[in-house]
Amino acid sequence: MAGPGRKVDTLVGPRGSSGRSLGRVGFVALGTMRKVVSALGILLLLVGISGTIDHLFYQPFFGFVLNSVNRWVIPNIDFLAGYELYANLTVAVVGAALAIAAYRSD
């Protein structure tokens, strides 16, 4: 309890027995970090699926954003030459894994 003259740290939540914060890391709450990781995972999943469609056919929807990996990153990495489809599917799998991990974390 904070009495008169005692400062209370509002940036860090209550501490557990190990002395580590239970609810906050710096300025960002852990729940917010989960949402960011989940959103990043969903974005990578969409980018990977869209890149796969763009590699097989032409994908006109949100091409600048969703096909950025397929059009600008993968062609500039030499060892991925000939494996563009697998690279896009790998991006989709990594995105799905991030989204699932953020959803399942307690």
C-alpha atoms as a PDB file:
ATOM      1  CA  MET A   1       0.000   0.000   0.000  1.00  0.00           C
ATOM      2  CA  ALA A   2       1.254   3.417  -0.827  1.00  0.00           C
ATOM      3  CA  GLY A   3       1.254   5.850   2.009  1.00  0.00           C
ATOM      4  CA  PRO A   4       1.971   9.542   1.940  1.00  0.00           C
ATOM      5  CA  GLY A   5       5.426  10.207   0.562  1.00  0.00           C
ATOM      6  CA  ARG A   6       5.832   6.758  -0.987  1.00  0.00           C
ATOM      7  CA  LYS A   7       6.090   6.604  -4.783  1.00  0.00           C
ATOM      8  CA  VAL A   8       4.125   3.991  -6.681  1.00  0.00           C
ATOM      9  CA  ASP A   9       5.536   2.623  -9.934  1.00  0.00           C
ATOM     10  CA  THR A  10       2.619   2.745 -12.363  1.00  0.00           C
ATOM     11  CA  LEU A  11       4.538   1.412 -15.385  1.00  0.00           C
ATOM     12  CA  VAL A  12       5.150  -2.015 -13.912  1.00  0.00           C
ATOM     13  CA  GLY A  13       2.405  -4.212 -12.514  1.00  0.00           C
ATOM     14  CA  PRO A  14       2.519  -6.273  -9.325  1.00  0.00           C
ATOM     15  CA  ARG A  15       5.581  -8.452  -8.876  1.00  0.00           C
ATOM     16  CA  GLY A  16       5.595 -12.198  -8.322  1.00  0.00           C
ATOM     17  CA  SER A  17       7.792 -14.171  -5.937  1.00  0.00           C
ATOM     18  CA  SER A  18      10.697 -14.021  -8.416  1.00  0.00           C
ATOM     19  CA  GLY A  19      10.591 -10.227  -8.451  1.00  0.00           C
ATOM     20  CA  ARG A  20       9.509 -10.102 -12.088  1.00  0.00           C
ATOM     21  CA  SER A  21       6.528  -8.099 -13.240  1.00  0.00           C
ATOM     22  CA  LEU A  22       3.334 -10.102 -13.606  1.00  0.00           C
ATOM     23  CA  GLY A  23       1.365  -7.894 -15.949  1.00  0.00           C
ATOM     24  CA  ARG A  24       3.459  -5.350 -17.803  1.00  0.00           C
ATOM     25  CA  VAL A  25       6.704  -5.151 -19.723  1.00  0.00           C
ATOM     26  CA  GLY A  26       7.837  -1.535 -19.939  1.00  0.00           C
ATOM     27  CA  PHE A  27       5.000   0.509 -21.379  1.00  0.00           C
ATOM     28  CA  VAL A  28       3.274  -2.319 -23.217  1.00  0.00           C
ATOM     29  CA  ALA A  29       0.885  -4.762 -21.581  1.00  0.00           C
ATOM     30  CA  LEU A  30       1.381  -8.427 -22.427  1.00  0.00           C
ATOM     31  CA  GLY A  31      -2.135  -8.621 -23.860  1.00  0.00           C
ATOM     32  CA  THR A  32      -1.235  -5.880 -26.306  1.00  0.00           C
ATOM     33  CA  MET A  33       1.894  -7.756 -27.330  1.00  0.00           C
ATOM     34  CA  ARG A  34      -0.192 -10.867 -28.003  1.00  0.00           C
ATOM     35  CA  LYS A  35      -2.512  -8.844 -30.223  1.00  0.00           C
ATOM     36  CA  VAL A  36       0.441  -7.412 -32.169  1.00  0.00           C
ATOM     37  CA  VAL A  37       2.018 -10.854 -32.658  1.00  0.00           C
ATOM     38  CA  SER A  38      -1.352 -12.273 -33.675  1.00  0.00           C
ATOM     39  CA  ALA A  39      -1.917  -9.448 -36.181  1.00  0.00           C
ATOM     40  CA  LEU A  40       1.589  -9.949 -37.590  1.00  0.00           C
ATOM     41  CA  GLY A  41       0.897 -13.672 -37.938  1.00  0.00           C
ATOM     42  CA  ILE A  42      -2.376 -13.069 -39.753  1.00  0.00           C
ATOM     43  CA  LEU A  43      -0.663 -10.549 -42.064  1.00  0.00           C
ATOM     44  CA  LEU A  44       2.122 -13.038 -42.862  1.00  0.00           C
ATOM     45  CA  LEU A  45      -0.476 -15.743 -43.486  1.00  0.00           C
ATOM     46  CA  LEU A  46      -2.310 -13.469 -45.943  1.00  0.00           C
ATOM     47  CA  VAL A  47       0.958 -12.412 -47.605  1.00  0.00           C
ATOM     48  CA  GLY A  48       2.018 -16.033 -48.046  1.00  0.00           C
ATOM     49  CA  ILE A  49      -1.317 -17.151 -49.481  1.00  0.00           C
ATOM     50  CA  SER A  50      -1.540 -14.094 -51.729  1.00  0.00           C
ATOM     51  CA  GLY A  51       2.037 -14.624 -52.937  1.00  0.00           C
ATOM     52  CA  THR A  52       1.237 -18.236 -53.746  1.00  0.00           C
ATOM     53  CA  ILE A  53      -1.820 -17.201 -55.752  1.00  0.00           C
ATOM     54  CA  ASP A  54       0.208 -14.450 -57.450  1.00  0.00           C
ATOM     55  CA  HIS A  55       2.939 -16.939 -58.347  1.00  0.00           C
ATOM     56  CA  LEU A  56       0.467 -19.407 -59.874  1.00  0.00           C
ATOM     57  CA  PHE A  57      -1.960 -16.880 -61.404  1.00  0.00           C
ATOM     58  CA  TYR A  58      -2.334 -13.112 -61.117  1.00  0.00           C
ATOM     59  CA  GLN A  59      -3.635 -11.731 -57.844  1.00  0.00           C
ATOM     60  CA  PRO A  60      -4.883  -8.133 -58.309  1.00  0.00           C
ATOM     61  CA  PHE A  61      -6.309  -7.418 -54.825  1.00  0.00           C
ATOM     62  CA  PHE A  62      -4.032  -5.332 -52.549  1.00  0.00           C
ATOM     63  CA  GLY A  63      -1.109  -6.417 -54.735  1.00  0.00           C
ATOM     64  CA  PHE A  64       1.295  -3.760 -53.474  1.00  0.00           C
ATOM     65  CA  VAL A  65       0.989  -4.958 -49.873  1.00  0.00           C
ATOM     66  CA  LEU A  66       0.008  -8.607 -50.050  1.00  0.00           C
ATOM     67  CA  ASN A  67       2.371  -9.540 -52.878  1.00  0.00           C
ATOM     68  CA  SER A  68       5.369  -7.574 -51.638  1.00  0.00           C
ATOM     69  CA  VAL A  69       7.290 -10.670 -50.510  1.00  0.00           C
ATOM     70  CA  ASN A  70       6.575 -12.503 -53.767  1.00  0.00           C
ATOM     71  CA  ARG A  71       7.470  -9.571 -56.030  1.00  0.00           C
ATOM     72  CA  TRP A  72      10.379  -7.862 -54.252  1.00  0.00           C
ATOM     73  CA  VAL A  73      11.924 -10.091 -51.595  1.00  0.00           C
ATOM     74  CA  ILE A  74      11.945 -13.619 -53.018  1.00  0.00           C
ATOM     75  CA  PRO A  75      13.348 -12.724 -56.491  1.00  0.00           C
ATOM     76  CA  ASN A  76      16.313 -10.963 -54.825  1.00  0.00           C
ATOM     77  CA  ILE A  77      17.369 -14.010 -52.778  1.00  0.00           C
ATOM     78  CA  ASP A  78      19.442 -16.240 -55.033  1.00  0.00           C
ATOM     79  CA  PHE A  79      18.988 -19.589 -53.283  1.00  0.00           C
ATOM     80  CA  LEU A  80      15.181 -19.276 -53.575  1.00  0.00           C
ATOM     81  CA  ALA A  81      15.334 -19.238 -57.382  1.00  0.00           C
ATOM     82  CA  GLY A  82      13.021 -21.977 -58.569  1.00  0.00           C
ATOM     83  CA  TYR A  83      11.486 -22.401 -55.112  1.00  0.00           C
ATOM     84  CA  GLU A  84       9.202 -19.337 -55.093  1.00  0.00           C
ATOM     85  CA  LEU A  85       6.075 -21.376 -54.457  1.00  0.00           C
ATOM     86  CA  TYR A  86       7.637 -23.140 -51.458  1.00  0.00           C
ATOM     87  CA  ALA A  87       8.955 -19.837 -50.102  1.00  0.00           C
ATOM     88  CA  ASN A  88       5.469 -18.279 -50.223  1.00  0.00           C
ATOM     89  CA  LEU A  89       3.938 -21.326 -48.583  1.00  0.00           C
ATOM     90  CA  THR A  90       6.629 -21.150 -45.873  1.00  0.00           C
ATOM     91  CA  VAL A  91       5.726 -17.509 -45.201  1.00  0.00           C
ATOM     92  CA  ALA A  92       2.086 -18.583 -44.844  1.00  0.00           C
ATOM     93  CA  VAL A  93       2.989 -21.419 -42.446  1.00  0.00           C
ATOM     94  CA  VAL A  94       5.164 -19.122 -40.304  1.00  0.00           C
ATOM     95  CA  GLY A  95       2.302 -16.613 -40.171  1.00  0.00           C
ATOM     96  CA  ALA A  96      -0.160 -19.300 -39.123  1.00  0.00           C
ATOM     97  CA  ALA A  97       2.254 -20.536 -36.449  1.00  0.00           C
ATOM     98  CA  LEU A  98       2.654 -17.002 -35.061  1.00  0.00           C
ATOM     99  CA  ALA A  99      -1.091 -16.432 -34.969  1.00  0.00           C
ATOM    100  CA  ILE A 100      -1.732 -19.786 -33.269  1.00  0.00           C
ATOM    101  CA  ALA A 101       1.077 -19.255 -30.753  1.00  0.00           C
ATOM    102  CA  ALA A 102      -0.253 -15.810 -29.839  1.00  0.00           C
ATOM    103  CA  TYR A 103      -3.763 -17.218 -29.449  1.00  0.00           C
ATOM    104  CA  ARG A 104      -2.663 -20.131 -27.274  1.00  0.00           C
ATOM    105  CA  SER A 105      -0.307 -18.203 -24.967  1.00  0.00           C
ATOM    106  CA  ASP A 106      -1.688 -17.594 -21.508  1.00  0.00           C
END
